[in-house]
Every structure is written in C-alpha cells, then in structure tokens.
Protein backbone atom coordinates (compact mmCIF):
# COMPACT_ATOMS: atom_id res chain seq x y z
CA MET A 1 141.69 116.30 110.40
CA ASP A 2 139.72 118.14 107.75
CA ASP A 3 138.58 114.83 106.25
CA THR A 4 137.12 113.78 109.60
CA ARG A 5 135.29 117.07 109.95
CA LEU A 6 133.83 116.83 106.43
CA TRP A 7 132.67 113.28 107.13
CA GLN A 8 131.00 114.38 110.37
CA ASP A 9 129.31 117.32 108.64
CA GLU A 10 128.00 115.02 105.92
CA ARG A 11 126.80 112.59 108.56
CA SER A 12 124.94 115.29 110.50
CA ALA A 13 123.36 116.56 107.25
CA GLN A 14 122.14 113.02 106.49
CA GLU A 15 120.77 112.72 110.00
CA ALA A 16 118.98 116.07 109.69
CA ARG A 17 117.42 114.98 106.37
CA ALA A 18 116.31 111.67 107.86
CA ARG A 19 114.79 113.38 110.89
CA GLY A 20 113.05 115.92 108.65
CA THR A 21 111.60 113.12 106.56
CA MET A 22 110.40 111.41 109.74
CA ARG A 23 108.66 114.62 110.85
CA ILE A 24 106.88 114.89 107.50
CA TRP A 25 105.77 111.25 107.51
CA TRP A 26 104.69 111.46 111.16
CA TRP A 27 101.83 113.80 110.16
CA ALA A 28 101.30 112.71 106.56
CA ARG A 29 100.65 109.07 107.43
CA TRP A 30 97.89 109.98 109.90
CA ALA A 31 96.37 112.47 107.46
CA ALA A 32 96.36 109.83 104.73
CA LEU A 33 94.76 107.31 107.10
CA ALA A 34 92.05 109.83 108.05
CA LEU A 35 91.34 110.53 104.38
CA ALA A 36 91.20 106.80 103.61
CA VAL A 37 88.68 106.25 106.39
CA SER A 38 86.56 109.23 105.32
CA TRP A 39 86.47 108.03 101.70
CA ALA A 40 85.59 104.51 102.85
CA VAL A 41 82.72 105.90 104.94
CA SER A 42 81.60 107.97 101.95
CA TRP A 43 81.68 104.84 99.79
CA GLY A 44 79.66 102.94 102.40
CA GLY A 45 77.08 105.73 102.49
CA SER A 46 76.80 105.72 98.69
CA LEU A 47 76.40 101.95 98.69
CA MET A 48 73.65 102.12 101.30
CA ARG A 49 71.79 104.80 99.32
CA GLY A 50 71.83 102.48 96.31
CA GLU A 51 73.91 104.71 94.07
CA GLY A 52 75.79 103.15 91.19
CA GLY A 53 78.27 103.95 88.50
CA TRP A 54 80.92 106.60 89.03
CA ASP A 55 79.19 107.90 92.17
CA LEU A 56 79.75 104.52 93.79
CA TRP A 57 83.26 103.70 92.56
CA TRP A 58 85.04 107.02 92.96
CA PRO A 59 85.01 106.95 96.80
CA LEU A 60 86.21 103.34 96.75
CA VAL A 61 89.08 104.09 94.37
CA SER A 62 90.05 107.14 96.42
CA ALA A 63 89.94 105.13 99.66
CA ILE A 64 92.27 102.53 98.12
CA ILE A 65 94.71 105.23 96.96
CA TRP A 66 94.78 106.92 100.38
CA THR A 67 95.13 103.55 102.14
CA GLY A 68 98.15 102.79 99.97
CA LEU A 69 99.67 106.16 100.83
CA ALA A 70 99.02 105.62 104.55
CA VAL A 71 100.61 102.15 104.48
CA ASN A 72 103.60 103.58 102.62
CA GLY A 73 103.89 106.32 105.25
CA PHE A 74 103.86 103.87 108.16
CA VAL A 75 106.41 101.59 106.46
CA THR A 76 108.69 104.51 105.52
CA TYR A 77 108.56 105.98 109.02
CA ARG A 78 109.40 102.63 110.59
CA ARG A 79 112.25 102.01 108.12
CA ILE A 80 113.81 105.38 108.84
CA ARG A 81 113.41 104.96 112.61
CA THR A 82 114.74 101.40 112.80
CA THR A 83 117.25 101.21 109.94
CA THR A 84 118.35 104.52 108.45
CA LEU A 85 118.88 106.62 111.60
CA PRO A 86 120.77 103.91 113.54
CA THR A 87 123.04 103.41 110.53
CA ILE A 88 123.77 107.13 110.25
CA THR A 89 124.18 107.85 113.97
CA GLY A 90 125.73 104.58 115.09
CA ARG A 91 123.23 104.38 117.96
CA PRO A 92 120.82 101.47 118.45
CA SER A 93 117.24 101.88 117.27
CA ALA A 94 114.61 103.05 119.73
C-alpha cells in the first residue's frame, strides 16, 4: 500500500510541476510575442528613417530572437497541455 501512495505522490508532484510550467508559459509566450512585435515595429521605423548599420540591424535581430522565444512558448504550452498532462493524469486532453 505504501508503494501505491508513493507513486500517487510522485504523480501529483509531476502534475503540479507541469501545471506550474504551463502557468509560466501562459504569460511568457504573450510577453515574448509583444516584445517581438515592438522590436519589429522599431526596426520598421528605423528602416523608414533611412538608418543603417547597427541601428538598423539590432531591432531586427532582437525581433527574430523574441519571435523564436514566443514560438517556443506556444509549442511548449501546447505540448504540455495535449501530451504531458494527459499522460500524467490519465485524463484525455482538453
């Protein structure tokens, strides 16, 4: 009986970690998307003003980095919601 209880405790700890990770990515992915859009707009403004060199490329590079982080956040959130949590809990995905 103790083995069953330990297994259930481990399972609930895994579920709590997965849900905590989902909560973090829920906000982080939108923040990263907002930053990506703001850097892209900044890059567009620099391009329209005719700037060149580092002043032109830094906003573009930053927008690409934040876009990558946002995409990773959306993919990670979906993977946890549709694969990890149903595996841990035994319930079907939402």
